Every structure is written in C-alpha cells, then in structure tokens.
N, C-alpha and C. Protein backbone atom coordinates (compact mmCIF):
# COMPACT_ATOMS: atom_id res chain seq x y z
N MET A 1 0.82 -1.19 0.00
CA MET A 1 0.00 0.00 0.00
C MET A 1 0.87 1.26 0.00
N ASN A 2 1.96 1.20 0.72
CA ASN A 2 2.84 2.35 0.82
C ASN A 2 3.53 2.64 -0.50
N TRP A 3 3.82 1.61 -1.27
CA TRP A 3 4.48 1.81 -2.56
C TRP A 3 3.57 2.52 -3.55
N ILE A 4 2.24 2.34 -3.41
CA ILE A 4 1.31 3.04 -4.30
C ILE A 4 1.36 4.55 -4.03
N LEU A 5 1.35 4.91 -2.75
CA LEU A 5 1.41 6.32 -2.38
C LEU A 5 2.73 6.94 -2.82
N ASN A 6 3.83 6.21 -2.65
CA ASN A 6 5.13 6.72 -3.07
C ASN A 6 5.20 6.92 -4.58
N SER A 7 4.64 5.98 -5.35
CA SER A 7 4.68 6.13 -6.80
C SER A 7 3.82 7.30 -7.27
N ILE A 8 2.70 7.53 -6.59
CA ILE A 8 1.86 8.69 -6.95
C ILE A 8 2.60 9.99 -6.65
N LEU A 9 3.23 10.07 -5.49
CA LEU A 9 3.97 11.28 -5.13
C LEU A 9 5.15 11.52 -6.07
N LEU A 10 5.84 10.47 -6.48
CA LEU A 10 6.95 10.63 -7.41
C LEU A 10 6.45 11.05 -8.79
N ALA A 11 5.32 10.54 -9.21
CA ALA A 11 4.77 10.92 -10.51
C ALA A 11 4.35 12.38 -10.50
N GLN A 12 3.79 12.86 -9.39
CA GLN A 12 3.40 14.26 -9.31
C GLN A 12 4.62 15.18 -9.25
N ALA A 13 5.68 14.74 -8.62
CA ALA A 13 6.88 15.55 -8.52
C ALA A 13 7.58 15.66 -9.87
N ALA A 14 7.40 14.69 -10.75
CA ALA A 14 8.07 14.70 -12.04
C ALA A 14 7.38 15.63 -13.05
N VAL A 15 6.17 16.07 -12.77
CA VAL A 15 5.43 16.93 -13.70
C VAL A 15 5.91 18.37 -13.53
N PRO A 16 6.37 19.01 -14.60
CA PRO A 16 6.79 20.40 -14.48
C PRO A 16 5.58 21.31 -14.23
N PRO A 17 5.76 22.41 -13.50
CA PRO A 17 4.65 23.29 -13.16
C PRO A 17 3.95 23.90 -14.37
N SER A 18 4.63 24.07 -15.49
CA SER A 18 4.00 24.70 -16.65
C SER A 18 2.96 23.80 -17.31
N SER A 19 3.05 22.48 -17.10
CA SER A 19 2.10 21.57 -17.74
C SER A 19 0.87 21.30 -16.88
N LEU A 20 0.81 21.85 -15.66
CA LEU A 20 -0.36 21.67 -14.82
C LEU A 20 -1.53 22.49 -15.37
N PRO A 21 -2.76 22.03 -15.20
CA PRO A 21 -3.91 22.79 -15.71
C PRO A 21 -4.05 24.12 -14.98
N GLN A 22 -4.42 25.12 -15.73
CA GLN A 22 -4.57 26.45 -15.17
C GLN A 22 -5.95 26.62 -14.56
N GLN A 23 -6.07 27.54 -13.63
CA GLN A 23 -7.37 27.84 -13.02
C GLN A 23 -8.26 28.53 -14.04
N THR A 24 -9.57 28.52 -13.77
CA THR A 24 -10.50 29.16 -14.70
C THR A 24 -10.29 30.66 -14.70
N THR A 25 -10.61 31.26 -15.81
CA THR A 25 -10.47 32.71 -15.91
C THR A 25 -11.62 33.38 -15.17
N THR A 26 -11.48 34.66 -14.95
CA THR A 26 -12.51 35.40 -14.21
C THR A 26 -13.75 35.62 -15.07
N SER A 27 -13.67 35.41 -16.38
CA SER A 27 -14.84 35.63 -17.23
C SER A 27 -15.90 34.55 -17.02
N SER A 28 -15.52 33.33 -16.63
CA SER A 28 -16.50 32.28 -16.40
C SER A 28 -16.93 32.17 -14.95
N ALA A 29 -16.33 32.96 -14.06
CA ALA A 29 -16.65 32.87 -12.64
C ALA A 29 -18.10 33.24 -12.33
N PRO A 30 -18.66 34.33 -12.89
CA PRO A 30 -20.07 34.63 -12.57
C PRO A 30 -21.03 33.57 -13.08
N ALA A 31 -20.78 33.03 -14.26
CA ALA A 31 -21.65 31.99 -14.80
C ALA A 31 -21.53 30.73 -13.95
N HIS A 32 -20.34 30.43 -13.53
CA HIS A 32 -20.13 29.25 -12.71
C HIS A 32 -20.84 29.39 -11.36
N LEU A 33 -20.73 30.55 -10.74
CA LEU A 33 -21.41 30.80 -9.47
C LEU A 33 -22.92 30.73 -9.64
N PHE A 34 -23.44 31.27 -10.73
CA PHE A 34 -24.87 31.22 -11.00
C PHE A 34 -25.36 29.78 -11.11
N PHE A 35 -24.63 28.96 -11.88
CA PHE A 35 -25.04 27.57 -12.03
C PHE A 35 -24.87 26.76 -10.75
N LEU A 36 -23.90 27.11 -9.92
CA LEU A 36 -23.75 26.43 -8.63
C LEU A 36 -24.93 26.73 -7.71
N ILE A 37 -25.41 27.98 -7.72
CA ILE A 37 -26.57 28.35 -6.91
C ILE A 37 -27.82 27.62 -7.42
N ILE A 38 -28.01 27.61 -8.74
CA ILE A 38 -29.14 26.90 -9.32
C ILE A 38 -29.04 25.40 -9.01
N TYR A 39 -27.84 24.86 -9.08
CA TYR A 39 -27.59 23.45 -8.80
C TYR A 39 -27.97 23.10 -7.36
N PHE A 40 -27.62 23.97 -6.44
CA PHE A 40 -27.97 23.74 -5.03
C PHE A 40 -29.49 23.76 -4.83
N ILE A 41 -30.18 24.71 -5.46
CA ILE A 41 -31.63 24.81 -5.34
C ILE A 41 -32.30 23.57 -5.93
N ILE A 42 -31.85 23.15 -7.11
CA ILE A 42 -32.41 21.96 -7.75
C ILE A 42 -32.15 20.72 -6.89
N SER A 43 -30.97 20.61 -6.32
CA SER A 43 -30.65 19.46 -5.48
C SER A 43 -31.55 19.39 -4.25
N ALA A 44 -31.75 20.52 -3.59
CA ALA A 44 -32.61 20.55 -2.41
C ALA A 44 -34.05 20.22 -2.78
N ALA A 45 -34.53 20.75 -3.91
CA ALA A 45 -35.90 20.47 -4.34
C ALA A 45 -36.05 19.00 -4.73
N LEU A 46 -35.04 18.42 -5.35
CA LEU A 46 -35.09 17.01 -5.75
C LEU A 46 -35.14 16.11 -4.52
N VAL A 47 -34.35 16.41 -3.51
CA VAL A 47 -34.37 15.62 -2.27
C VAL A 47 -35.74 15.73 -1.61
N ALA A 48 -36.29 16.95 -1.55
CA ALA A 48 -37.61 17.13 -0.94
C ALA A 48 -38.70 16.39 -1.72
N ALA A 49 -38.63 16.41 -3.04
CA ALA A 49 -39.63 15.73 -3.86
C ALA A 49 -39.54 14.22 -3.69
N ILE A 50 -38.35 13.69 -3.62
CA ILE A 50 -38.18 12.24 -3.46
C ILE A 50 -38.66 11.80 -2.07
N LEU A 51 -38.33 12.58 -1.05
CA LEU A 51 -38.73 12.20 0.30
C LEU A 51 -40.22 12.33 0.55
N SER A 52 -40.91 13.17 -0.20
CA SER A 52 -42.34 13.36 0.02
C SER A 52 -43.20 12.37 -0.75
N GLN A 53 -42.59 11.54 -1.59
CA GLN A 53 -43.36 10.54 -2.33
C GLN A 53 -43.67 9.35 -1.45
N THR A 54 -44.81 8.71 -1.72
CA THR A 54 -45.15 7.50 -0.99
C THR A 54 -44.45 6.31 -1.65
N THR A 55 -44.28 5.26 -0.89
CA THR A 55 -43.62 4.08 -1.44
C THR A 55 -44.53 3.37 -2.42
N LYS A 56 -43.94 2.77 -3.42
CA LYS A 56 -44.71 2.10 -4.46
C LYS A 56 -45.02 0.65 -4.10
N SER A 57 -44.22 0.03 -3.25
CA SER A 57 -44.45 -1.37 -2.90
C SER A 57 -44.51 -1.51 -1.40
N GLU A 58 -45.17 -2.54 -0.95
CA GLU A 58 -45.29 -2.79 0.48
C GLU A 58 -44.36 -3.90 0.93
N GLY A 59 -43.50 -4.33 0.06
CA GLY A 59 -42.57 -5.39 0.40
C GLY A 59 -43.22 -6.75 0.37
N LEU A 60 -42.76 -7.65 1.20
CA LEU A 60 -43.26 -9.02 1.22
C LEU A 60 -44.69 -9.10 1.72
N SER A 61 -45.06 -8.25 2.68
CA SER A 61 -46.43 -8.30 3.21
C SER A 61 -47.45 -7.89 2.15
N GLY A 62 -47.09 -7.03 1.24
CA GLY A 62 -48.00 -6.62 0.19
C GLY A 62 -48.22 -7.72 -0.83
N THR A 63 -47.21 -8.53 -1.06
CA THR A 63 -47.37 -9.61 -2.04
C THR A 63 -48.16 -10.77 -1.47
N ILE A 64 -48.05 -11.00 -0.18
CA ILE A 64 -48.77 -12.12 0.43
C ILE A 64 -50.21 -11.75 0.74
N GLY A 65 -50.40 -10.61 1.41
CA GLY A 65 -51.74 -10.29 1.90
C GLY A 65 -52.56 -9.38 1.02
N GLY A 66 -52.00 -8.31 0.53
CA GLY A 66 -52.84 -7.31 -0.12
C GLY A 66 -52.47 -6.99 -1.54
N GLY A 67 -51.95 -7.92 -2.26
CA GLY A 67 -51.55 -7.67 -3.64
C GLY A 67 -52.72 -7.45 -4.57
N LYS A 68 -53.84 -8.10 -4.33
CA LYS A 68 -55.01 -7.99 -5.21
C LYS A 68 -55.62 -6.60 -5.14
N ARG A 69 -55.69 -6.04 -3.95
CA ARG A 69 -56.30 -4.72 -3.78
C ARG A 69 -55.53 -3.66 -4.57
N GLU A 70 -54.22 -3.76 -4.56
CA GLU A 70 -53.40 -2.80 -5.30
C GLU A 70 -53.61 -2.93 -6.80
N THR A 71 -53.80 -4.13 -7.28
CA THR A 71 -54.02 -4.36 -8.70
C THR A 71 -55.36 -3.79 -9.15
N ILE A 72 -56.39 -3.90 -8.31
CA ILE A 72 -57.71 -3.40 -8.66
C ILE A 72 -57.71 -1.88 -8.77
N PHE A 73 -57.06 -1.22 -7.82
CA PHE A 73 -57.09 0.25 -7.77
C PHE A 73 -55.86 0.88 -8.41
N LYS A 74 -55.14 0.15 -9.21
CA LYS A 74 -53.91 0.67 -9.81
C LYS A 74 -54.18 1.85 -10.75
N GLY A 75 -55.30 1.82 -11.47
CA GLY A 75 -55.61 2.90 -12.40
C GLY A 75 -56.08 4.17 -11.72
N ALA A 76 -56.51 4.07 -10.48
CA ALA A 76 -57.02 5.24 -9.77
C ALA A 76 -55.89 5.92 -9.01
N LYS A 77 -54.95 6.48 -9.72
CA LYS A 77 -53.82 7.16 -9.11
C LYS A 77 -54.25 8.55 -8.68
N LYS A 78 -53.84 8.97 -7.52
CA LYS A 78 -54.22 10.29 -7.03
C LYS A 78 -53.51 11.37 -7.84
N GLY A 79 -54.18 12.49 -7.98
CA GLY A 79 -53.64 13.58 -8.79
C GLY A 79 -52.34 14.15 -8.25
N TRP A 80 -52.26 14.32 -6.92
CA TRP A 80 -51.07 14.91 -6.32
C TRP A 80 -49.86 13.99 -6.48
N GLU A 81 -50.04 12.69 -6.30
CA GLU A 81 -48.93 11.76 -6.44
C GLU A 81 -48.41 11.72 -7.87
N GLU A 82 -49.33 11.79 -8.82
CA GLU A 82 -48.93 11.80 -10.23
C GLU A 82 -48.16 13.08 -10.56
N ARG A 83 -48.63 14.20 -10.05
CA ARG A 83 -47.95 15.48 -10.29
C ARG A 83 -46.58 15.50 -9.61
N LEU A 84 -46.50 14.95 -8.40
CA LEU A 84 -45.23 14.91 -7.69
C LEU A 84 -44.21 14.03 -8.41
N GLU A 85 -44.69 12.94 -8.99
CA GLU A 85 -43.80 12.07 -9.78
C GLU A 85 -43.29 12.80 -11.01
N GLN A 86 -44.14 13.57 -11.65
CA GLN A 86 -43.74 14.34 -12.83
C GLN A 86 -42.74 15.44 -12.45
N ILE A 87 -42.97 16.10 -11.32
CA ILE A 87 -42.05 17.14 -10.85
C ILE A 87 -40.69 16.52 -10.54
N THR A 88 -40.69 15.33 -9.94
CA THR A 88 -39.43 14.64 -9.64
C THR A 88 -38.67 14.31 -10.91
N ASN A 89 -39.39 13.88 -11.94
CA ASN A 89 -38.72 13.59 -13.21
C ASN A 89 -38.10 14.84 -13.82
N TYR A 90 -38.83 15.96 -13.80
CA TYR A 90 -38.29 17.22 -14.34
C TYR A 90 -37.08 17.70 -13.53
N LEU A 91 -37.15 17.57 -12.21
CA LEU A 91 -36.01 17.98 -11.38
C LEU A 91 -34.79 17.10 -11.63
N ALA A 92 -35.01 15.81 -11.86
CA ALA A 92 -33.89 14.91 -12.14
C ALA A 92 -33.21 15.28 -13.46
N VAL A 93 -34.01 15.61 -14.47
CA VAL A 93 -33.43 16.02 -15.76
C VAL A 93 -32.69 17.35 -15.61
N ALA A 94 -33.28 18.28 -14.86
CA ALA A 94 -32.61 19.57 -14.63
C ALA A 94 -31.31 19.38 -13.85
N PHE A 95 -31.30 18.44 -12.91
CA PHE A 95 -30.10 18.13 -12.14
C PHE A 95 -28.99 17.62 -13.06
N LEU A 96 -29.33 16.73 -13.97
CA LEU A 96 -28.33 16.19 -14.91
C LEU A 96 -27.81 17.26 -15.86
N ILE A 97 -28.70 18.09 -16.37
CA ILE A 97 -28.29 19.16 -17.28
C ILE A 97 -27.39 20.16 -16.57
N CYS A 98 -27.78 20.53 -15.36
CA CYS A 98 -26.97 21.50 -14.60
C CYS A 98 -25.61 20.90 -14.24
N SER A 99 -25.57 19.62 -13.92
CA SER A 99 -24.28 18.96 -13.65
C SER A 99 -23.37 18.98 -14.87
N THR A 100 -23.95 18.75 -16.03
CA THR A 100 -23.17 18.76 -17.26
C THR A 100 -22.65 20.16 -17.56
N ILE A 101 -23.47 21.18 -17.37
CA ILE A 101 -23.04 22.55 -17.64
C ILE A 101 -21.93 22.96 -16.67
N ILE A 102 -22.06 22.60 -15.40
CA ILE A 102 -21.02 22.96 -14.43
C ILE A 102 -19.72 22.25 -14.78
N THR A 103 -19.80 21.02 -15.24
CA THR A 103 -18.60 20.30 -15.63
C THR A 103 -17.93 20.94 -16.84
N ILE A 104 -18.73 21.38 -17.81
CA ILE A 104 -18.18 22.01 -19.01
C ILE A 104 -17.53 23.35 -18.68
N ILE A 105 -18.20 24.13 -17.84
CA ILE A 105 -17.65 25.45 -17.46
C ILE A 105 -16.36 25.26 -16.67
N GLY A 106 -16.33 24.26 -15.79
CA GLY A 106 -15.15 24.00 -14.98
C GLY A 106 -15.22 24.73 -13.67
N PHE A 107 -14.38 24.29 -12.78
CA PHE A 107 -14.37 24.91 -11.45
C PHE A 107 -13.15 25.75 -11.27
C-alpha cells in the first residue's frame, strides 16, 4: 500500500509546473457561481420531492396479503402523487443538465 502512495507522489513531482492545468479565468466565474446556486436549489428540491413521495411497494407483506387490492385500484392514481412524480422527473433532468453545464464550465 505504501508503494502506491510513493509512486503517486513521485509521478506528481516529475510533472513540471508549466504543464499543470490552469485555473479558470474570471470571465466564467459569474456563470459558474450562477449555475452552482441553481444546482444547489435543484438538489434541495429534488431531495424534498423524493422524500415526500409514498412508497410504491409494500414489500413481502403486500405480495402475500394485499396484492389484489393494489391491482384493482392501480388505475385510480391520485392527482397529487402523479404530479409529484412528474415534478421529480423534471427535477432529475434539470439536475443532470446542470451537472453537465457545471462540468463544461469547470471549477
């Protein structure tokens, strides 16, 4: 294990400072900060949306005792649960898009 750490440290020491990646310029800093704030808001909303959803399965007890009842009323989905599921899907897509934009802009 120690030889891995030593080889990594030696490899980093062999790299000249001019070939290291440069920090981002100040021109992308406001855009990066804006997307980080949006990213944080989307993340918090996504966590809240996921936690507020009801579970879809009851586990083993649902398959043994009450599986038929769920099958009968499967088409009668409540409006709020359906809307919350749609909001969760939109937030997940926004989370992925914002992650990609932040990665492209760089830190």
